[in-house]
Amino acid sequence: MKQDQIPVFALALEEAKVQHDPEITEKLIRYLADQHMSICTAESVTGGAIAKRLCSVPGASEVYMGGAVSYNLRLKLQWCGVTPKTIQTHGEVSAHTAIEMASGTRKVCNTSVAISTTGFAGPTTPQTTLPIGTVFVGLDIQGKTIVRHLTFSGTRTEIQEKAAQAALVLCYEHLSQN
């Protein structure tokens, strides 16, 4: 599949669904351990919130290998494997960037799964057609990539927390249903 043909599914996750399962992180860790899988993270908009949630679960060190908080463009390029062409063509906040962040980090960390996030939490946003609250969650599961375009409302912190929760929900749901 060509880089420009990445299928993106825009989801309007209900606020209730995102917040519904406070034990999603424990479920994800348990599932990964049971399946002898490992996970890493590449976070921008969530600023390490996913890693913090994963690390808060006892026994997480069995499956969580680590990750990158690549808040700066230079680190997205150097640590996460995002290409300059992707940034020039699609921007830092895009489905393409989310996929490259997940795939690049999964390869570097040598894990089964990677979660990535990129987006705009506000209160301001660069000149763009994407509004504050736009988040792309990328998943790379053993080389198969998935990306979701989500939109959240709220304060900067609320958007970041909702995005972290949604990323964990999407990862768990995708793994457990496939």
Protein backbone atom coordinates (compact mmCIF):
# COMPACT_ATOMS: atom_id res chain seq x y z
CA MET A 1 0.00 0.00 0.00
CA LYS A 2 1.34 3.41 -0.95
CA GLN A 3 2.08 5.93 1.79
CA ASP A 4 -0.75 8.20 0.55
CA GLN A 5 -3.28 5.38 0.73
CA ILE A 6 -3.24 4.67 4.46
CA PRO A 7 -6.84 3.93 5.44
CA VAL A 8 -7.92 6.28 8.20
CA PHE A 9 -11.06 5.67 10.17
CA ALA A 10 -12.48 8.72 11.87
CA LEU A 11 -14.10 7.72 15.10
CA ALA A 12 -16.23 9.74 17.41
CA LEU A 13 -15.59 7.72 20.52
CA GLU A 14 -18.32 8.41 23.00
CA GLU A 15 -17.04 10.14 26.08
CA ALA A 16 -18.62 7.33 28.11
CA LYS A 17 -16.72 4.66 26.18
CA VAL A 18 -13.41 6.43 26.62
CA GLN A 19 -13.95 6.78 30.36
CA HIS A 20 -16.02 3.63 30.80
CA ASP A 21 -13.31 1.16 31.72
CA PRO A 22 -10.91 2.40 34.38
CA GLU A 23 -9.22 -1.01 34.40
CA ILE A 24 -8.33 -0.98 30.69
CA THR A 25 -4.61 -0.66 31.41
CA GLU A 26 -4.61 -3.69 33.70
CA LYS A 27 -6.57 -5.67 31.11
CA LEU A 28 -4.12 -4.71 28.38
CA ILE A 29 -1.08 -5.65 30.48
CA ARG A 30 -2.68 -8.97 31.46
CA TYR A 31 -3.63 -9.74 27.84
CA LEU A 32 -0.13 -8.98 26.57
CA ALA A 33 1.45 -11.13 29.32
CA ASP A 34 -0.92 -14.03 28.60
CA GLN A 35 -0.08 -13.83 24.89
CA HIS A 36 3.68 -13.47 25.53
CA MET A 37 3.66 -10.12 23.74
CA SER A 38 5.47 -6.87 24.48
CA ILE A 39 4.56 -3.23 23.95
CA CYS A 40 6.23 0.18 23.58
CA THR A 41 4.97 3.73 23.15
CA ALA A 42 5.70 6.75 20.97
CA GLU A 43 3.87 9.73 22.42
CA SER A 44 3.58 13.32 21.37
CA VAL A 45 0.24 14.88 22.32
CA THR A 46 -0.15 12.61 25.37
CA GLY A 47 3.28 13.56 26.69
CA GLY A 48 4.00 10.26 28.42
CA ALA A 49 0.52 9.69 29.88
CA ILE A 50 0.22 6.27 28.23
CA ALA A 51 3.63 5.18 29.53
CA LYS A 52 2.71 6.41 33.01
CA ARG A 53 -0.52 4.39 32.96
CA LEU A 54 1.26 1.27 31.75
CA CYS A 55 4.02 1.62 34.36
CA SER A 56 1.47 2.03 37.15
CA VAL A 57 0.32 -1.58 36.76
CA PRO A 58 2.18 -4.13 38.92
CA GLY A 59 3.97 -6.57 36.64
CA ALA A 60 4.05 -4.17 33.69
CA SER A 61 7.79 -4.67 33.35
CA GLU A 62 7.04 -8.12 31.90
CA VAL A 63 5.52 -6.54 28.80
CA TYR A 64 6.22 -2.78 28.69
CA MET A 65 9.68 -2.19 27.25
CA GLY A 66 9.60 1.63 27.23
CA GLY A 67 9.04 4.35 24.73
CA ALA A 68 9.67 7.83 23.46
CA VAL A 69 8.01 11.10 24.31
CA SER A 70 8.78 12.74 21.00
CA TYR A 71 7.15 16.10 21.59
CA ASN A 72 9.66 17.82 19.34
CA LEU A 73 9.78 17.27 15.57
CA ARG A 74 13.52 16.46 15.63
CA LEU A 75 12.87 13.54 17.97
CA LYS A 76 10.01 12.24 15.86
CA LEU A 77 12.50 12.06 13.01
CA GLN A 78 15.52 10.73 14.98
CA TRP A 79 13.92 8.40 17.52
CA CYS A 80 10.66 7.30 15.95
CA GLY A 81 11.59 6.91 12.31
CA VAL A 82 9.24 9.50 10.87
CA THR A 83 10.54 10.61 7.49
CA PRO A 84 11.04 14.25 6.50
CA LYS A 85 8.89 13.58 3.43
CA THR A 86 5.97 12.52 5.62
CA ILE A 87 6.24 15.72 7.65
CA GLN A 88 6.52 17.87 4.52
CA THR A 89 3.63 16.14 2.77
CA HIS A 90 1.22 15.38 5.62
CA GLY A 91 2.40 17.37 8.66
CA GLU A 92 3.37 16.46 12.21
CA VAL A 93 -0.24 15.79 13.16
CA SER A 94 -1.47 13.24 10.63
CA ALA A 95 -2.36 9.60 10.21
CA HIS A 96 0.88 9.06 8.31
CA THR A 97 3.00 10.48 11.12
CA ALA A 98 1.17 8.39 13.73
CA ILE A 99 1.80 5.21 11.74
CA GLU A 100 5.48 5.98 11.21
CA MET A 101 5.90 6.83 14.90
CA ALA A 102 4.37 3.48 15.92
CA SER A 103 6.23 1.41 13.34
CA GLY A 104 9.58 3.06 13.87
CA THR A 105 9.41 2.78 17.64
CA ARG A 106 8.20 -0.84 17.53
CA LYS A 107 11.20 -1.75 15.40
CA VAL A 108 13.69 0.09 17.61
CA CYS A 109 12.24 -1.41 20.81
CA ASN A 110 11.78 -4.84 19.18
CA THR A 111 8.28 -5.29 20.59
CA SER A 112 5.11 -6.99 19.38
CA VAL A 113 2.99 -3.86 19.71
CA ALA A 114 3.49 -0.09 19.61
CA ILE A 115 1.04 2.70 20.37
CA SER A 116 1.63 6.24 19.11
CA THR A 117 -0.20 9.52 19.55
CA THR A 118 0.07 12.85 17.79
CA GLY A 119 -2.36 15.74 17.91
CA PHE A 120 -3.32 19.20 19.12
CA ALA A 121 -4.28 19.62 22.78
CA GLY A 122 -4.44 23.42 22.71
CA PRO A 123 -5.13 26.01 23.88
CA THR A 124 -3.76 27.20 20.52
CA THR A 125 -2.91 25.38 17.34
CA PRO A 126 -0.66 26.19 14.38
CA GLN A 127 -2.28 27.45 11.21
CA THR A 128 -3.98 24.28 10.06
CA THR A 129 -7.30 22.88 9.03
CA LEU A 130 -7.28 20.53 12.02
CA PRO A 131 -8.98 21.83 15.18
CA ILE A 132 -7.79 21.65 18.78
CA GLY A 133 -8.69 18.22 20.11
CA THR A 134 -7.59 16.41 16.94
CA VAL A 135 -5.67 13.23 17.81
CA PHE A 136 -4.29 10.42 15.67
CA VAL A 137 -3.61 7.12 17.43
CA GLY A 138 -1.32 4.73 15.59
CA LEU A 139 -0.96 1.05 16.35
CA ASP A 140 1.64 -1.31 14.97
CA ILE A 141 0.85 -4.88 15.91
CA GLN A 142 3.52 -7.25 14.66
CA GLY A 143 3.95 -5.18 11.52
CA LYS A 144 0.25 -4.60 10.84
CA THR A 145 -0.61 -0.91 11.16
CA ILE A 146 -3.85 0.72 12.16
CA VAL A 147 -4.59 4.42 12.65
CA ARG A 148 -7.60 6.17 14.14
CA HIS A 149 -8.53 9.84 13.88
CA LEU A 150 -10.23 11.05 17.06
CA THR A 151 -11.57 14.40 18.19
CA PHE A 152 -11.90 15.43 21.83
CA SER A 153 -13.13 18.50 23.63
CA GLY A 154 -12.04 19.99 26.92
CA THR A 155 -8.99 21.60 28.43
CA ARG A 156 -5.48 20.73 27.34
CA THR A 157 -5.10 18.26 30.21
CA GLU A 158 -8.53 16.72 29.57
CA ILE A 159 -7.72 16.21 25.87
CA GLN A 160 -4.39 14.58 26.76
CA GLU A 161 -6.01 12.26 29.32
CA LYS A 162 -8.87 11.33 26.98
CA ALA A 163 -6.38 10.62 24.18
CA ALA A 164 -4.26 8.38 26.43
CA GLN A 165 -7.34 6.46 27.60
CA ALA A 166 -8.66 6.13 24.04
CA ALA A 167 -5.29 4.82 22.79
CA LEU A 168 -5.30 2.12 25.47
CA VAL A 169 -8.94 1.23 24.75
CA LEU A 170 -8.30 0.99 21.01
CA CYS A 171 -5.18 -1.12 21.51
CA TYR A 172 -6.89 -3.53 23.89
CA GLU A 173 -10.03 -3.81 21.77
CA HIS A 174 -8.05 -4.45 18.60
CA LEU A 175 -5.82 -7.07 20.22
CA SER A 176 -8.57 -8.91 22.06
CA GLN A 177 -10.96 -8.99 19.08
CA ASN A 178 -8.47 -10.16 16.45
